[in-house]
Amino acid sequence: MTAGSPDHDRTMHAALAAETSSVTRSVPVIRLVADLVCPWCYIAFIRLQRTLAGSPALLIWNPFLLNPNLPAHGVTRTQYLERRFGSVAQAQGVHRRVARAGAREGIPFAFGEIRTQPNTIGAHALVLAAATQSRQIEAAAALYQAFFAEGVDIGDPLVLASLAVQLGLSDEEVAAALGPVAAQLVVQDHERAFALGIAGVPVCVLGDDHLIAGAQPPEVLEALLDLERYRLAGHPAVTGAMPRSRP
């Protein structure tokens, strides 16, 4: 079985699914649907980590592509900001508001350091691959830090390969994570999220049907965890909530 082959990747994902299934019988599972270039997703990620510290729950990464049509090498940050916001000046106003929110969470946003708006398919594939070493959340944290605090191009295969080695992935796993089959799996995860009605991120999915959008404060996240624990204890299912607009 060769790295990056369909059999290799299906085997890896089947193993992860089995592991997740065994955990979900006893503890809440939260799927964070997010992109690695979304600042509100970074804020949501940090808040979730803080909420789950010391809590018996499992956080799973679910890829979402805010810019699914970007070329593989990305585009310049200036070009991206002008297309999305109309001008760099307007984007800077948005960035200042996000930076203030991030500072309250200990996130040192450095938007001015970003030179390339990357395609994030490879970065997502690396996060998924890191799950085989139980380092999925560590991988996401490293990518967020690299992009938002250091301006690193997280679409660069050399950057991703270096991070993969730091995360303890083998040469075979690195090759698989950066290969076409892994990329297709990321696209499929994105499409499944979109099919659920998720058109913007961050979104948290608890269990199979309870969705809530936005970078929620810890007290809201804790309340949702309590509801999921209630369901896991064998009580009647709580009606799922549809996504709402992110803040």
Foldseek 3Di string as FASTA:
>chain_A
DFFQDPVVVVVLVVVVVVVVVVLVLAAKEKEWEDFLPDLQSVLLLLQVVVLCVVPSYHYHYFYAWLCQPAPLAAAFPQVVCCVPQVHVVRVVVVVVVSCVVVVVSVQRFDPVQATGDHGCLLLQLLLSLLVVVVCSSVSSVVSSCCCGVHNDHNSDLVVSLVVSVVSPDDPSSSCNSRHDVSSVVSVVSNVVCVVLVDPDDGWMDIDDAAIEHASDHSVVVVVVSVLSNVVSVPDDHDHHDDYDDYD
